[in-house]
Amino acid sequence: MTRDLKIGMSIGLVLTGVIGVWLVTRPSLSTEARLQQNLLRQLQVPEEPTEVEDLAAPVAEIAEEVVEEQQYHVVGRGETLSAISYKHYGTVNNWKMILNANREIIHNPKNLKPGIKLVLPPSR
């Protein structure tokens, strides 16, 4: 081995050893410590106890907003995703958004079956 290679390998081994010792002596970096910290965060009790009724009103409001925003479209004969996008969003560019929201229903975006009920996601 050449002298430079020996020096490089020696420096590499020393640095690896130093980093290893540093990692071992840091308990907050261990996987177990991180899991314990996550568990403690999940188990923290809120400072002010809340009543179930206090939480029910905001949840109901959010549910109403979601229901109001959800729109549907029944595919007509010869319609394309671009045409549906233009009809509901005013642009043909949102056809991919409609496709992604209906992946379970649409198997071939170029051959839409009439009568399929598509979910129309809210425009971004």
N, C-alpha and C. Protein backbone atom coordinates (compact mmCIF):
# COMPACT_ATOMS: atom_id res chain seq x y z
N MET A 1 0.84 -1.18 0.00
CA MET A 1 0.00 0.00 0.00
C MET A 1 0.88 1.24 0.00
N THR A 2 0.36 2.24 -0.65
CA THR A 2 1.12 3.48 -0.63
C THR A 2 0.88 4.20 0.68
N ARG A 3 1.76 5.12 0.94
CA ARG A 3 1.71 5.85 2.21
C ARG A 3 0.43 6.70 2.29
N ASP A 4 0.03 7.34 1.20
CA ASP A 4 -1.18 8.17 1.19
C ASP A 4 -2.42 7.33 1.48
N LEU A 5 -2.47 6.13 0.91
CA LEU A 5 -3.61 5.26 1.14
C LEU A 5 -3.69 4.85 2.60
N LYS A 6 -2.56 4.55 3.21
CA LYS A 6 -2.54 4.18 4.63
C LYS A 6 -3.00 5.34 5.50
N ILE A 7 -2.54 6.54 5.19
CA ILE A 7 -2.94 7.72 5.97
C ILE A 7 -4.45 7.96 5.82
N GLY A 8 -4.96 7.83 4.60
CA GLY A 8 -6.40 8.03 4.36
C GLY A 8 -7.25 7.02 5.09
N MET A 9 -6.82 5.76 5.05
CA MET A 9 -7.56 4.71 5.76
C MET A 9 -7.52 4.93 7.26
N SER A 10 -6.39 5.36 7.78
CA SER A 10 -6.26 5.62 9.22
C SER A 10 -7.19 6.76 9.64
N ILE A 11 -7.19 7.82 8.87
CA ILE A 11 -8.06 8.97 9.19
C ILE A 11 -9.53 8.53 9.12
N GLY A 12 -9.87 7.74 8.11
CA GLY A 12 -11.25 7.25 7.97
C GLY A 12 -11.68 6.41 9.15
N LEU A 13 -10.80 5.52 9.61
CA LEU A 13 -11.12 4.68 10.76
C LEU A 13 -11.28 5.51 12.02
N VAL A 14 -10.43 6.50 12.21
CA VAL A 14 -10.52 7.36 13.40
C VAL A 14 -11.83 8.14 13.37
N LEU A 15 -12.17 8.71 12.20
CA LEU A 15 -13.42 9.46 12.10
C LEU A 15 -14.64 8.56 12.33
N THR A 16 -14.61 7.36 11.78
CA THR A 16 -15.71 6.42 11.99
C THR A 16 -15.86 6.09 13.47
N GLY A 17 -14.74 5.87 14.14
CA GLY A 17 -14.78 5.58 15.57
C GLY A 17 -15.33 6.75 16.37
N VAL A 18 -14.89 7.96 16.05
CA VAL A 18 -15.35 9.14 16.77
C VAL A 18 -16.85 9.33 16.57
N ILE A 19 -17.32 9.18 15.35
CA ILE A 19 -18.76 9.33 15.07
C ILE A 19 -19.56 8.24 15.78
N GLY A 20 -19.04 7.03 15.78
CA GLY A 20 -19.73 5.93 16.47
C GLY A 20 -19.86 6.20 17.96
N VAL A 21 -18.79 6.65 18.58
CA VAL A 21 -18.83 6.97 20.01
C VAL A 21 -19.81 8.10 20.27
N TRP A 22 -19.79 9.12 19.40
CA TRP A 22 -20.69 10.25 19.58
C TRP A 22 -22.15 9.81 19.49
N LEU A 23 -22.47 8.94 18.52
CA LEU A 23 -23.85 8.46 18.38
C LEU A 23 -24.28 7.61 19.57
N VAL A 24 -23.38 6.79 20.08
CA VAL A 24 -23.72 5.92 21.21
C VAL A 24 -23.96 6.73 22.48
N THR A 25 -23.25 7.82 22.64
CA THR A 25 -23.38 8.61 23.86
C THR A 25 -24.54 9.61 23.79
N ARG A 26 -25.25 9.68 22.69
CA ARG A 26 -26.39 10.58 22.56
C ARG A 26 -27.68 9.76 22.68
N PRO A 27 -28.28 9.69 23.86
CA PRO A 27 -29.48 8.86 24.03
C PRO A 27 -30.67 9.40 23.25
N SER A 28 -30.70 10.70 22.99
CA SER A 28 -31.85 11.25 22.27
C SER A 28 -31.85 10.86 20.80
N LEU A 29 -30.74 10.35 20.28
CA LEU A 29 -30.67 9.95 18.89
C LEU A 29 -31.05 8.49 18.66
N SER A 30 -31.18 7.72 19.72
CA SER A 30 -31.48 6.30 19.56
C SER A 30 -32.93 6.11 19.12
N THR A 31 -33.18 5.03 18.44
CA THR A 31 -34.52 4.73 17.96
C THR A 31 -35.49 4.57 19.13
N GLU A 32 -35.03 3.93 20.17
CA GLU A 32 -35.88 3.71 21.34
C GLU A 32 -36.29 5.04 21.98
N ALA A 33 -35.34 5.96 22.09
CA ALA A 33 -35.64 7.26 22.69
C ALA A 33 -36.64 8.04 21.83
N ARG A 34 -36.48 7.98 20.52
CA ARG A 34 -37.42 8.69 19.64
C ARG A 34 -38.81 8.09 19.73
N LEU A 35 -38.91 6.75 19.83
CA LEU A 35 -40.21 6.12 19.97
C LEU A 35 -40.87 6.51 21.29
N GLN A 36 -40.07 6.58 22.36
CA GLN A 36 -40.61 6.99 23.66
C GLN A 36 -41.11 8.43 23.60
N GLN A 37 -40.36 9.32 22.94
CA GLN A 37 -40.79 10.71 22.82
C GLN A 37 -42.09 10.81 22.04
N ASN A 38 -42.21 10.05 20.95
CA ASN A 38 -43.45 10.07 20.17
C ASN A 38 -44.63 9.54 20.99
N LEU A 39 -44.39 8.49 21.76
CA LEU A 39 -45.44 7.93 22.60
C LEU A 39 -45.88 8.93 23.67
N LEU A 40 -44.93 9.62 24.27
CA LEU A 40 -45.27 10.63 25.28
C LEU A 40 -46.08 11.77 24.66
N ARG A 41 -45.72 12.18 23.46
CA ARG A 41 -46.49 13.25 22.80
C ARG A 41 -47.92 12.81 22.53
N GLN A 42 -48.10 11.56 22.15
CA GLN A 42 -49.44 11.06 21.87
C GLN A 42 -50.28 10.92 23.13
N LEU A 43 -49.62 10.63 24.25
CA LEU A 43 -50.35 10.40 25.50
C LEU A 43 -50.59 11.66 26.31
N GLN A 44 -50.09 12.80 25.87
CA GLN A 44 -50.25 14.03 26.64
C GLN A 44 -51.72 14.39 26.76
N VAL A 45 -52.11 14.73 27.97
CA VAL A 45 -53.49 15.11 28.25
C VAL A 45 -53.59 16.62 28.09
N PRO A 46 -54.65 17.13 27.45
CA PRO A 46 -54.80 18.57 27.31
C PRO A 46 -54.91 19.23 28.68
N GLU A 47 -54.42 20.46 28.77
CA GLU A 47 -54.42 21.17 30.05
C GLU A 47 -55.84 21.43 30.53
N GLU A 48 -56.72 21.83 29.62
CA GLU A 48 -58.10 22.11 29.98
C GLU A 48 -58.97 20.96 29.50
N PRO A 49 -59.64 20.28 30.42
CA PRO A 49 -60.52 19.20 29.96
C PRO A 49 -61.67 19.78 29.13
N THR A 50 -61.97 19.11 28.02
CA THR A 50 -63.04 19.57 27.14
C THR A 50 -64.22 18.63 27.23
N GLU A 51 -65.37 19.18 27.08
CA GLU A 51 -66.59 18.38 27.08
C GLU A 51 -66.85 17.87 25.66
N VAL A 52 -67.52 16.78 25.57
CA VAL A 52 -67.83 16.19 24.27
C VAL A 52 -68.70 17.15 23.45
N GLU A 53 -69.60 17.85 24.13
CA GLU A 53 -70.49 18.79 23.43
C GLU A 53 -69.68 19.91 22.80
N ASP A 54 -68.59 20.35 23.46
CA ASP A 54 -67.76 21.42 22.92
C ASP A 54 -67.10 20.99 21.61
N LEU A 55 -66.79 19.72 21.50
CA LEU A 55 -66.13 19.22 20.29
C LEU A 55 -67.12 18.88 19.18
N ALA A 56 -68.36 18.60 19.55
CA ALA A 56 -69.34 18.16 18.56
C ALA A 56 -69.70 19.27 17.58
N ALA A 57 -69.82 20.51 18.05
CA ALA A 57 -70.23 21.61 17.18
C ALA A 57 -69.22 21.87 16.06
N PRO A 58 -67.90 21.99 16.35
CA PRO A 58 -66.96 22.22 15.25
C PRO A 58 -66.91 21.05 14.26
N VAL A 59 -67.05 19.83 14.76
CA VAL A 59 -67.03 18.67 13.87
C VAL A 59 -68.23 18.71 12.94
N ALA A 60 -69.39 19.08 13.46
CA ALA A 60 -70.59 19.16 12.63
C ALA A 60 -70.43 20.24 11.56
N GLU A 61 -69.83 21.37 11.92
CA GLU A 61 -69.62 22.45 10.95
C GLU A 61 -68.69 21.99 9.82
N ILE A 62 -67.62 21.31 10.19
CA ILE A 62 -66.67 20.83 9.19
C ILE A 62 -67.35 19.81 8.28
N ALA A 63 -68.15 18.91 8.85
CA ALA A 63 -68.84 17.91 8.06
C ALA A 63 -69.80 18.57 7.07
N GLU A 64 -70.50 19.62 7.50
CA GLU A 64 -71.41 20.32 6.60
C GLU A 64 -70.64 20.96 5.45
N GLU A 65 -69.48 21.55 5.75
CA GLU A 65 -68.69 22.17 4.70
C GLU A 65 -68.23 21.15 3.68
N VAL A 66 -67.82 19.99 4.15
CA VAL A 66 -67.35 18.94 3.24
C VAL A 66 -68.49 18.46 2.37
N VAL A 67 -69.66 18.27 2.95
CA VAL A 67 -70.81 17.80 2.19
C VAL A 67 -71.20 18.84 1.15
N GLU A 68 -71.18 20.12 1.52
CA GLU A 68 -71.55 21.16 0.59
C GLU A 68 -70.56 21.25 -0.58
N GLU A 69 -69.29 21.05 -0.32
CA GLU A 69 -68.29 21.18 -1.36
C GLU A 69 -68.28 20.00 -2.32
N GLN A 70 -68.76 18.85 -1.89
CA GLN A 70 -68.70 17.65 -2.72
C GLN A 70 -69.73 17.76 -3.84
N GLN A 71 -69.27 17.70 -5.07
CA GLN A 71 -70.16 17.75 -6.23
C GLN A 71 -69.96 16.49 -7.06
N TYR A 72 -70.98 16.16 -7.82
CA TYR A 72 -70.94 14.98 -8.66
C TYR A 72 -71.33 15.35 -10.08
N HIS A 73 -70.97 14.47 -11.01
CA HIS A 73 -71.36 14.64 -12.40
C HIS A 73 -71.64 13.26 -12.98
N VAL A 74 -72.77 13.12 -13.62
CA VAL A 74 -73.11 11.87 -14.29
C VAL A 74 -72.67 12.01 -15.75
N VAL A 75 -71.84 11.09 -16.18
CA VAL A 75 -71.26 11.15 -17.52
C VAL A 75 -72.35 10.90 -18.56
N GLY A 76 -72.39 11.79 -19.54
CA GLY A 76 -73.32 11.64 -20.66
C GLY A 76 -72.62 10.96 -21.84
N ARG A 77 -73.38 10.64 -22.83
CA ARG A 77 -72.84 9.95 -24.01
C ARG A 77 -71.86 10.87 -24.75
N GLY A 78 -70.66 10.37 -25.00
CA GLY A 78 -69.66 11.10 -25.76
C GLY A 78 -68.89 12.15 -24.96
N GLU A 79 -69.14 12.26 -23.66
CA GLU A 79 -68.42 13.25 -22.86
C GLU A 79 -66.99 12.80 -22.57
N THR A 80 -66.10 13.76 -22.45
CA THR A 80 -64.71 13.49 -22.09
C THR A 80 -64.42 14.18 -20.78
N LEU A 81 -63.31 13.79 -20.17
CA LEU A 81 -62.91 14.44 -18.92
C LEU A 81 -62.62 15.91 -19.14
N SER A 82 -62.06 16.26 -20.29
CA SER A 82 -61.79 17.67 -20.60
C SER A 82 -63.08 18.47 -20.69
N ALA A 83 -64.10 17.89 -21.31
CA ALA A 83 -65.38 18.58 -21.43
C ALA A 83 -66.03 18.76 -20.06
N ILE A 84 -65.95 17.74 -19.23
CA ILE A 84 -66.51 17.83 -17.88
C ILE A 84 -65.75 18.88 -17.09
N SER A 85 -64.44 18.92 -17.22
CA SER A 85 -63.62 19.91 -16.54
C SER A 85 -64.00 21.33 -16.98
N TYR A 86 -64.21 21.51 -18.27
CA TYR A 86 -64.58 22.84 -18.78
C TYR A 86 -65.96 23.25 -18.26
N LYS A 87 -66.87 22.29 -18.21
CA LYS A 87 -68.23 22.57 -17.78
C LYS A 87 -68.28 23.01 -16.32
N HIS A 88 -67.50 22.36 -15.45
CA HIS A 88 -67.58 22.63 -14.02
C HIS A 88 -66.53 23.60 -13.50
N TYR A 89 -65.37 23.67 -14.15
CA TYR A 89 -64.29 24.51 -13.65
C TYR A 89 -63.94 25.67 -14.58
N GLY A 90 -64.48 25.66 -15.79
CA GLY A 90 -64.19 26.74 -16.73
C GLY A 90 -62.86 26.58 -17.45
N THR A 91 -62.21 25.46 -17.29
CA THR A 91 -60.95 25.18 -17.97
C THR A 91 -60.85 23.68 -18.25
N VAL A 92 -60.21 23.34 -19.35
CA VAL A 92 -60.04 21.92 -19.70
C VAL A 92 -58.84 21.30 -18.97
N ASN A 93 -58.08 22.10 -18.26
CA ASN A 93 -56.84 21.63 -17.64
C ASN A 93 -57.03 20.83 -16.36
N ASN A 94 -58.23 20.78 -15.81
CA ASN A 94 -58.46 20.06 -14.55
C ASN A 94 -58.92 18.62 -14.75
N TRP A 95 -58.77 18.09 -15.97
CA TRP A 95 -59.22 16.72 -16.22
C TRP A 95 -58.43 15.70 -15.40
N LYS A 96 -57.14 15.98 -15.14
CA LYS A 96 -56.33 15.04 -14.35
C LYS A 96 -56.80 15.00 -12.91
N MET A 97 -57.25 16.15 -12.40
CA MET A 97 -57.75 16.21 -11.04
C MET A 97 -59.02 15.34 -10.91
N ILE A 98 -59.89 15.40 -11.91
CA ILE A 98 -61.10 14.57 -11.92
C ILE A 98 -60.71 13.09 -12.02
N LEU A 99 -59.75 12.78 -12.86
CA LEU A 99 -59.28 11.40 -13.03
C LEU A 99 -58.73 10.86 -11.72
N ASN A 100 -57.88 11.64 -11.04
CA ASN A 100 -57.28 11.18 -9.79
C ASN A 100 -58.32 10.97 -8.69
N ALA A 101 -59.39 11.76 -8.69
CA ALA A 101 -60.43 11.62 -7.68
C ALA A 101 -61.32 10.40 -7.95
N ASN A 102 -61.27 9.87 -9.17
CA ASN A 102 -62.15 8.76 -9.56
C ASN A 102 -61.37 7.57 -10.10
N ARG A 103 -60.19 7.32 -9.59
CA ARG A 103 -59.34 6.22 -10.08
C ARG A 103 -60.01 4.85 -9.97
N GLU A 104 -60.86 4.66 -8.95
CA GLU A 104 -61.51 3.36 -8.77
C GLU A 104 -62.56 3.11 -9.85
N ILE A 105 -63.14 4.19 -10.36
CA ILE A 105 -64.24 4.07 -11.31
C ILE A 105 -63.74 4.11 -12.75
N ILE A 106 -62.80 5.00 -13.02
CA ILE A 106 -62.33 5.21 -14.40
C ILE A 106 -61.12 4.30 -14.66
N HIS A 107 -61.31 3.36 -15.57
CA HIS A 107 -60.20 2.47 -15.92
C HIS A 107 -59.48 2.95 -17.17
N ASN A 108 -60.22 3.56 -18.09
CA ASN A 108 -59.64 4.11 -19.31
C ASN A 108 -60.21 5.51 -19.50
N PRO A 109 -59.41 6.56 -19.26
CA PRO A 109 -59.94 7.92 -19.33
C PRO A 109 -60.39 8.33 -20.73
N LYS A 110 -59.97 7.61 -21.75
CA LYS A 110 -60.39 7.94 -23.12
C LYS A 110 -61.70 7.27 -23.51
N ASN A 111 -62.18 6.36 -22.66
CA ASN A 111 -63.41 5.63 -22.96
C ASN A 111 -64.31 5.65 -21.73
N LEU A 112 -64.98 6.79 -21.49
CA LEU A 112 -65.87 6.91 -20.34
C LEU A 112 -67.22 6.27 -20.66
N LYS A 113 -67.73 5.52 -19.71
CA LYS A 113 -69.04 4.87 -19.88
C LYS A 113 -70.13 5.86 -19.47
N PRO A 114 -71.15 6.05 -20.30
CA PRO A 114 -72.27 6.92 -19.93
C PRO A 114 -72.98 6.38 -18.68
N GLY A 115 -73.40 7.30 -17.82
CA GLY A 115 -74.13 6.93 -16.60
C GLY A 115 -73.26 6.81 -15.37
N ILE A 116 -71.93 6.87 -15.52
CA ILE A 116 -71.04 6.79 -14.37
C ILE A 116 -71.14 8.09 -13.57
N LYS A 117 -71.25 7.96 -12.26
CA LYS A 117 -71.32 9.14 -11.38
C LYS A 117 -69.91 9.45 -10.89
N LEU A 118 -69.38 10.60 -11.34
CA LEU A 118 -68.02 11.00 -10.99
C LEU A 118 -68.03 12.01 -9.84
N VAL A 119 -67.06 11.89 -8.96
CA VAL A 119 -66.87 12.87 -7.89
C VAL A 119 -66.08 14.03 -8.47
N LEU A 120 -66.54 15.24 -8.24
CA LEU A 120 -65.83 16.43 -8.70
C LEU A 120 -65.15 17.08 -7.49
N PRO A 121 -63.83 16.98 -7.42
CA PRO A 121 -63.14 17.57 -6.27
C PRO A 121 -63.20 19.11 -6.35
N PRO A 122 -63.09 19.77 -5.19
CA PRO A 122 -63.08 21.24 -5.21
C PRO A 122 -61.90 21.75 -6.01
N SER A 123 -62.10 22.85 -6.73
CA SER A 123 -61.00 23.40 -7.52
C SER A 123 -59.96 24.01 -6.60
N ARG A 124 -58.73 23.96 -7.03
CA ARG A 124 -57.63 24.43 -6.20
C ARG A 124 -57.46 25.91 -6.32
